[in-house]
Amino acid sequence: LPPRWYAAPLALVVGLLHDAEARECARALLPPPTPEALEVAGRLGLRDASLAAIARDMAELALEGAERQERMVGGRSLDVARAFVDTFTRRGLDPGDEPGDRVTQLTAGPSSSLLHG
């Protein structure tokens, strides 16, 4: 994760864990983990439409919770979290999708089959 985004996951976690409303909604939203679902998540990440939809919903809950916990999160961290969700989650992307990302560069070349099986 590039340093400019470091505050985003912290703010989102605070929003989900420290805000009772967001926490309860998140519990209701998440399906139980299964080996199959975990495999899809590991292989496809946000390229899986159902996982991307859950991620968007969770991010919205986390932002709402973080806004209610603004004293704990702080205005600047909340701004970074909003920008992160706008830039990535709402678009079904993750930071690895950014142009120039070193991991993307390493896995996009001819030897990518070594990394992706």
N, C-alpha and C. Protein backbone atom coordinates (compact mmCIF):
# COMPACT_ATOMS: atom_id res chain seq x y z
N LEU A 1 0.86 -1.18 0.00
CA LEU A 1 0.00 0.00 0.00
C LEU A 1 0.90 1.24 0.00
N PRO A 2 0.75 2.12 -0.98
CA PRO A 2 1.56 3.34 -0.99
C PRO A 2 1.29 4.18 0.27
N PRO A 3 2.31 4.83 0.78
CA PRO A 3 2.17 5.59 2.04
C PRO A 3 1.04 6.61 2.05
N ARG A 4 0.71 7.19 0.92
CA ARG A 4 -0.35 8.22 0.92
C ARG A 4 -1.70 7.65 1.37
N TRP A 5 -1.85 6.32 1.31
CA TRP A 5 -3.11 5.69 1.68
C TRP A 5 -3.10 5.07 3.07
N TYR A 6 -2.02 5.17 3.81
CA TYR A 6 -1.91 4.48 5.10
C TYR A 6 -3.07 4.79 6.06
N ALA A 7 -3.56 6.01 6.06
CA ALA A 7 -4.63 6.37 7.00
C ALA A 7 -5.97 5.71 6.64
N ALA A 8 -6.16 5.34 5.39
CA ALA A 8 -7.46 4.81 4.95
C ALA A 8 -7.86 3.52 5.68
N PRO A 9 -7.04 2.47 5.67
CA PRO A 9 -7.49 1.25 6.35
C PRO A 9 -7.69 1.45 7.85
N LEU A 10 -6.88 2.31 8.44
CA LEU A 10 -7.05 2.57 9.88
C LEU A 10 -8.39 3.23 10.15
N ALA A 11 -8.73 4.24 9.36
CA ALA A 11 -10.01 4.93 9.55
C ALA A 11 -11.18 3.99 9.29
N LEU A 12 -11.05 3.15 8.26
CA LEU A 12 -12.14 2.23 7.94
C LEU A 12 -12.32 1.15 9.01
N VAL A 13 -11.23 0.66 9.55
CA VAL A 13 -11.32 -0.32 10.63
C VAL A 13 -11.96 0.30 11.87
N VAL A 14 -11.56 1.52 12.20
CA VAL A 14 -12.18 2.21 13.34
C VAL A 14 -13.67 2.36 13.09
N GLY A 15 -14.04 2.73 11.87
CA GLY A 15 -15.45 2.89 11.54
C GLY A 15 -16.25 1.61 11.71
N LEU A 16 -15.65 0.48 11.38
CA LEU A 16 -16.36 -0.80 11.51
C LEU A 16 -16.34 -1.36 12.92
N LEU A 17 -15.25 -1.18 13.63
CA LEU A 17 -15.13 -1.82 14.94
C LEU A 17 -15.60 -0.96 16.11
N HIS A 18 -15.47 0.33 15.98
CA HIS A 18 -15.81 1.21 17.11
C HIS A 18 -17.19 1.84 16.98
N ASP A 19 -17.82 1.67 15.87
CA ASP A 19 -19.17 2.20 15.70
C ASP A 19 -20.15 1.03 15.74
N ALA A 20 -20.99 1.00 16.76
CA ALA A 20 -21.87 -0.15 16.98
C ALA A 20 -22.81 -0.39 15.80
N GLU A 21 -23.35 0.67 15.23
CA GLU A 21 -24.28 0.51 14.11
C GLU A 21 -23.58 -0.11 12.90
N ALA A 22 -22.41 0.41 12.55
CA ALA A 22 -21.66 -0.12 11.41
C ALA A 22 -21.24 -1.57 11.68
N ARG A 23 -20.83 -1.85 12.90
CA ARG A 23 -20.40 -3.20 13.25
C ARG A 23 -21.53 -4.21 13.08
N GLU A 24 -22.71 -3.87 13.56
CA GLU A 24 -23.85 -4.78 13.47
C GLU A 24 -24.29 -4.96 12.01
N CYS A 25 -24.30 -3.89 11.24
CA CYS A 25 -24.66 -3.99 9.82
C CYS A 25 -23.64 -4.85 9.07
N ALA A 26 -22.38 -4.70 9.41
CA ALA A 26 -21.33 -5.49 8.75
C ALA A 26 -21.50 -6.98 9.07
N ARG A 27 -21.83 -7.28 10.30
CA ARG A 27 -22.05 -8.69 10.67
C ARG A 27 -23.19 -9.30 9.86
N ALA A 28 -24.24 -8.52 9.66
CA ALA A 28 -25.39 -9.01 8.90
C ALA A 28 -25.08 -9.13 7.41
N LEU A 29 -24.19 -8.31 6.92
CA LEU A 29 -23.87 -8.28 5.50
C LEU A 29 -22.94 -9.41 5.06
N LEU A 30 -22.00 -9.76 5.91
CA LEU A 30 -20.98 -10.73 5.52
C LEU A 30 -21.51 -12.16 5.51
N PRO A 31 -21.30 -12.86 4.40
CA PRO A 31 -21.69 -14.27 4.38
C PRO A 31 -20.67 -15.07 5.20
N PRO A 32 -21.05 -16.25 5.64
CA PRO A 32 -20.09 -17.07 6.38
C PRO A 32 -18.95 -17.50 5.45
N PRO A 33 -17.74 -17.56 5.96
CA PRO A 33 -16.63 -17.98 5.11
C PRO A 33 -16.72 -19.47 4.79
N THR A 34 -16.46 -19.76 3.55
CA THR A 34 -16.39 -21.16 3.12
C THR A 34 -15.05 -21.34 2.40
N PRO A 35 -14.56 -22.55 2.32
CA PRO A 35 -13.31 -22.75 1.57
C PRO A 35 -13.40 -22.25 0.13
N GLU A 36 -14.56 -22.46 -0.50
CA GLU A 36 -14.75 -22.02 -1.88
C GLU A 36 -14.71 -20.49 -1.99
N ALA A 37 -15.41 -19.82 -1.08
CA ALA A 37 -15.44 -18.35 -1.10
C ALA A 37 -14.05 -17.77 -0.83
N LEU A 38 -13.33 -18.39 0.08
CA LEU A 38 -11.98 -17.91 0.38
C LEU A 38 -11.05 -18.13 -0.81
N GLU A 39 -11.22 -19.22 -1.53
CA GLU A 39 -10.40 -19.46 -2.72
C GLU A 39 -10.69 -18.41 -3.79
N VAL A 40 -11.97 -18.13 -4.03
CA VAL A 40 -12.34 -17.10 -5.01
C VAL A 40 -11.78 -15.75 -4.61
N ALA A 41 -11.89 -15.42 -3.34
CA ALA A 41 -11.36 -14.14 -2.87
C ALA A 41 -9.85 -14.06 -3.08
N GLY A 42 -9.16 -15.14 -2.80
CA GLY A 42 -7.72 -15.16 -2.97
C GLY A 42 -7.28 -15.10 -4.42
N ARG A 43 -8.02 -15.76 -5.30
CA ARG A 43 -7.66 -15.78 -6.71
C ARG A 43 -8.12 -14.54 -7.46
N LEU A 44 -9.34 -14.09 -7.19
CA LEU A 44 -9.93 -13.02 -8.00
C LEU A 44 -10.01 -11.68 -7.30
N GLY A 45 -10.06 -11.69 -5.99
CA GLY A 45 -10.19 -10.41 -5.28
C GLY A 45 -11.41 -9.64 -5.76
N LEU A 46 -11.23 -8.36 -6.02
CA LEU A 46 -12.35 -7.51 -6.41
C LEU A 46 -12.77 -7.71 -7.86
N ARG A 47 -12.08 -8.57 -8.59
CA ARG A 47 -12.54 -8.91 -9.95
C ARG A 47 -13.77 -9.81 -9.90
N ASP A 48 -14.05 -10.40 -8.74
CA ASP A 48 -15.27 -11.18 -8.55
C ASP A 48 -16.40 -10.19 -8.23
N ALA A 49 -17.45 -10.21 -9.04
CA ALA A 49 -18.53 -9.22 -8.92
C ALA A 49 -19.21 -9.25 -7.55
N SER A 50 -19.47 -10.43 -7.02
CA SER A 50 -20.16 -10.49 -5.72
C SER A 50 -19.25 -10.00 -4.60
N LEU A 51 -17.97 -10.32 -4.68
CA LEU A 51 -17.02 -9.83 -3.68
C LEU A 51 -16.85 -8.32 -3.78
N ALA A 52 -16.81 -7.80 -5.00
CA ALA A 52 -16.69 -6.35 -5.19
C ALA A 52 -17.91 -5.63 -4.62
N ALA A 53 -19.10 -6.21 -4.79
CA ALA A 53 -20.32 -5.60 -4.24
C ALA A 53 -20.28 -5.58 -2.71
N ILE A 54 -19.84 -6.68 -2.12
CA ILE A 54 -19.72 -6.73 -0.66
C ILE A 54 -18.68 -5.71 -0.19
N ALA A 55 -17.57 -5.62 -0.90
CA ALA A 55 -16.52 -4.66 -0.53
C ALA A 55 -17.05 -3.23 -0.58
N ARG A 56 -17.83 -2.91 -1.61
CA ARG A 56 -18.41 -1.56 -1.70
C ARG A 56 -19.35 -1.30 -0.53
N ASP A 57 -20.20 -2.26 -0.23
CA ASP A 57 -21.13 -2.09 0.90
C ASP A 57 -20.38 -1.96 2.22
N MET A 58 -19.36 -2.78 2.41
CA MET A 58 -18.57 -2.70 3.65
C MET A 58 -17.84 -1.36 3.75
N ALA A 59 -17.31 -0.88 2.63
CA ALA A 59 -16.62 0.40 2.65
C ALA A 59 -17.58 1.52 3.00
N GLU A 60 -18.79 1.47 2.47
CA GLU A 60 -19.79 2.50 2.81
C GLU A 60 -20.12 2.46 4.30
N LEU A 61 -20.32 1.25 4.83
CA LEU A 61 -20.59 1.12 6.27
C LEU A 61 -19.42 1.65 7.08
N ALA A 62 -18.21 1.32 6.66
CA ALA A 62 -17.01 1.76 7.37
C ALA A 62 -16.88 3.28 7.34
N LEU A 63 -17.15 3.89 6.18
CA LEU A 63 -17.09 5.35 6.10
C LEU A 63 -18.13 6.01 6.99
N GLU A 64 -19.34 5.48 6.95
CA GLU A 64 -20.40 6.03 7.81
C GLU A 64 -20.01 5.90 9.28
N GLY A 65 -19.48 4.75 9.65
CA GLY A 65 -19.04 4.56 11.03
C GLY A 65 -17.91 5.49 11.39
N ALA A 66 -16.95 5.66 10.49
CA ALA A 66 -15.81 6.56 10.74
C ALA A 66 -16.27 8.00 10.88
N GLU A 67 -17.27 8.38 10.09
CA GLU A 67 -17.82 9.74 10.21
C GLU A 67 -18.45 9.95 11.58
N ARG A 68 -19.13 8.92 12.08
CA ARG A 68 -19.73 9.03 13.42
C ARG A 68 -18.66 9.00 14.51
N GLN A 69 -17.49 8.45 14.19
CA GLN A 69 -16.38 8.37 15.15
C GLN A 69 -15.29 9.38 14.79
N GLU A 70 -15.66 10.49 14.19
CA GLU A 70 -14.68 11.45 13.67
C GLU A 70 -13.70 11.91 14.73
N ARG A 71 -14.14 12.05 15.95
CA ARG A 71 -13.20 12.45 17.01
C ARG A 71 -12.07 11.46 17.17
N MET A 72 -12.37 10.19 17.00
CA MET A 72 -11.35 9.16 17.12
C MET A 72 -10.51 9.06 15.84
N VAL A 73 -11.16 9.23 14.70
CA VAL A 73 -10.51 9.05 13.41
C VAL A 73 -9.70 10.28 13.01
N GLY A 74 -10.27 11.45 13.16
CA GLY A 74 -9.61 12.69 12.73
C GLY A 74 -10.01 13.06 11.31
N GLY A 75 -10.13 14.33 11.07
CA GLY A 75 -10.60 14.83 9.78
C GLY A 75 -9.72 14.44 8.61
N ARG A 76 -8.41 14.56 8.76
CA ARG A 76 -7.49 14.23 7.65
C ARG A 76 -7.57 12.75 7.31
N SER A 77 -7.59 11.88 8.30
CA SER A 77 -7.68 10.44 8.04
C SER A 77 -9.01 10.08 7.37
N LEU A 78 -10.06 10.76 7.77
CA LEU A 78 -11.37 10.53 7.16
C LEU A 78 -11.35 10.97 5.69
N ASP A 79 -10.69 12.09 5.40
CA ASP A 79 -10.56 12.53 4.01
C ASP A 79 -9.79 11.51 3.17
N VAL A 80 -8.72 10.96 3.73
CA VAL A 80 -7.94 9.95 3.01
C VAL A 80 -8.79 8.70 2.78
N ALA A 81 -9.56 8.29 3.77
CA ALA A 81 -10.43 7.11 3.63
C ALA A 81 -11.48 7.34 2.55
N ARG A 82 -12.08 8.52 2.53
CA ARG A 82 -13.08 8.84 1.49
C ARG A 82 -12.43 8.78 0.10
N ALA A 83 -11.25 9.37 -0.02
CA ALA A 83 -10.55 9.38 -1.31
C ALA A 83 -10.19 7.96 -1.74
N PHE A 84 -9.76 7.13 -0.79
CA PHE A 84 -9.42 5.74 -1.09
C PHE A 84 -10.64 5.00 -1.62
N VAL A 85 -11.76 5.13 -0.93
CA VAL A 85 -12.99 4.43 -1.35
C VAL A 85 -13.44 4.95 -2.71
N ASP A 86 -13.36 6.26 -2.94
CA ASP A 86 -13.73 6.82 -4.25
C ASP A 86 -12.80 6.32 -5.35
N THR A 87 -11.51 6.28 -5.07
CA THR A 87 -10.51 5.92 -6.06
C THR A 87 -10.52 4.43 -6.37
N PHE A 88 -10.74 3.62 -5.37
CA PHE A 88 -10.60 2.18 -5.55
C PHE A 88 -11.91 1.42 -5.36
N THR A 89 -12.39 1.33 -4.14
CA THR A 89 -13.46 0.39 -3.80
C THR A 89 -14.72 0.61 -4.60
N ARG A 90 -15.15 1.85 -4.74
CA ARG A 90 -16.39 2.10 -5.50
C ARG A 90 -16.25 1.75 -6.98
N ARG A 91 -15.03 1.66 -7.45
CA ARG A 91 -14.76 1.34 -8.86
C ARG A 91 -14.35 -0.12 -9.04
N GLY A 92 -14.39 -0.91 -7.96
CA GLY A 92 -14.02 -2.32 -8.04
C GLY A 92 -12.53 -2.53 -8.25
N LEU A 93 -11.73 -1.59 -7.77
CA LEU A 93 -10.28 -1.65 -7.92
C LEU A 93 -9.61 -1.77 -6.56
N ASP A 94 -8.32 -2.08 -6.57
CA ASP A 94 -7.52 -2.04 -5.35
C ASP A 94 -6.22 -1.32 -5.67
N PRO A 95 -5.42 -0.96 -4.69
CA PRO A 95 -4.20 -0.19 -4.96
C PRO A 95 -3.24 -0.87 -5.94
N GLY A 96 -3.29 -2.17 -6.05
CA GLY A 96 -2.45 -2.86 -7.02
C GLY A 96 -2.82 -2.56 -8.46
N ASP A 97 -4.00 -1.98 -8.67
CA ASP A 97 -4.45 -1.63 -10.02
C ASP A 97 -3.92 -0.27 -10.48
N GLU A 98 -3.27 0.47 -9.58
CA GLU A 98 -2.75 1.78 -9.96
C GLU A 98 -1.64 1.64 -11.00
N PRO A 99 -1.66 2.48 -12.04
CA PRO A 99 -0.54 2.46 -12.99
C PRO A 99 0.76 2.75 -12.26
N GLY A 100 1.79 2.04 -12.65
CA GLY A 100 3.08 2.26 -12.03
C GLY A 100 3.29 1.49 -10.74
N ASP A 101 2.27 0.75 -10.32
CA ASP A 101 2.41 -0.05 -9.11
C ASP A 101 3.44 -1.14 -9.36
N ARG A 102 4.41 -1.27 -8.48
CA ARG A 102 5.52 -2.20 -8.66
C ARG A 102 5.05 -3.65 -8.75
N VAL A 103 4.08 -4.04 -7.95
CA VAL A 103 3.59 -5.42 -8.00
C VAL A 103 2.93 -5.68 -9.34
N THR A 104 2.13 -4.72 -9.84
CA THR A 104 1.49 -4.89 -11.13
C THR A 104 2.53 -5.03 -12.22
N GLN A 105 3.57 -4.23 -12.18
CA GLN A 105 4.63 -4.31 -13.17
C GLN A 105 5.30 -5.68 -13.14
N LEU A 106 5.53 -6.19 -11.96
CA LEU A 106 6.21 -7.47 -11.83
C LEU A 106 5.36 -8.63 -12.32
N THR A 107 4.04 -8.53 -12.12
CA THR A 107 3.17 -9.66 -12.47
C THR A 107 2.57 -9.54 -13.86
N ALA A 108 2.79 -8.44 -14.56
CA ALA A 108 2.18 -8.26 -15.88
C ALA A 108 3.07 -8.75 -17.01
N GLY A 109 4.31 -9.04 -16.75
CA GLY A 109 5.24 -9.43 -17.79
C GLY A 109 5.11 -10.87 -18.20
N PRO A 110 6.01 -11.32 -19.09
CA PRO A 110 5.95 -12.69 -19.59
C PRO A 110 6.08 -13.75 -18.53
N SER A 111 6.73 -13.43 -17.42
CA SER A 111 6.89 -14.43 -16.37
C SER A 111 5.73 -14.45 -15.39
N SER A 112 4.65 -13.71 -15.72
CA SER A 112 3.51 -13.66 -14.79
C SER A 112 2.90 -15.02 -14.56
N SER A 113 3.04 -15.93 -15.52
CA SER A 113 2.47 -17.27 -15.31
C SER A 113 3.12 -17.97 -14.13
N LEU A 114 4.33 -17.60 -13.80
CA LEU A 114 4.99 -18.17 -12.62
C LEU A 114 4.27 -17.76 -11.34
N LEU A 115 3.72 -16.55 -11.35
CA LEU A 115 3.05 -16.04 -10.16
C LEU A 115 1.58 -16.41 -10.13
N HIS A 116 0.97 -16.59 -11.27
CA HIS A 116 -0.47 -16.81 -11.33
C HIS A 116 -0.85 -18.25 -11.67
N GLY A 117 0.12 -19.14 -11.71
CA GLY A 117 -0.16 -20.56 -11.90
C GLY A 117 -0.53 -20.85 -13.31
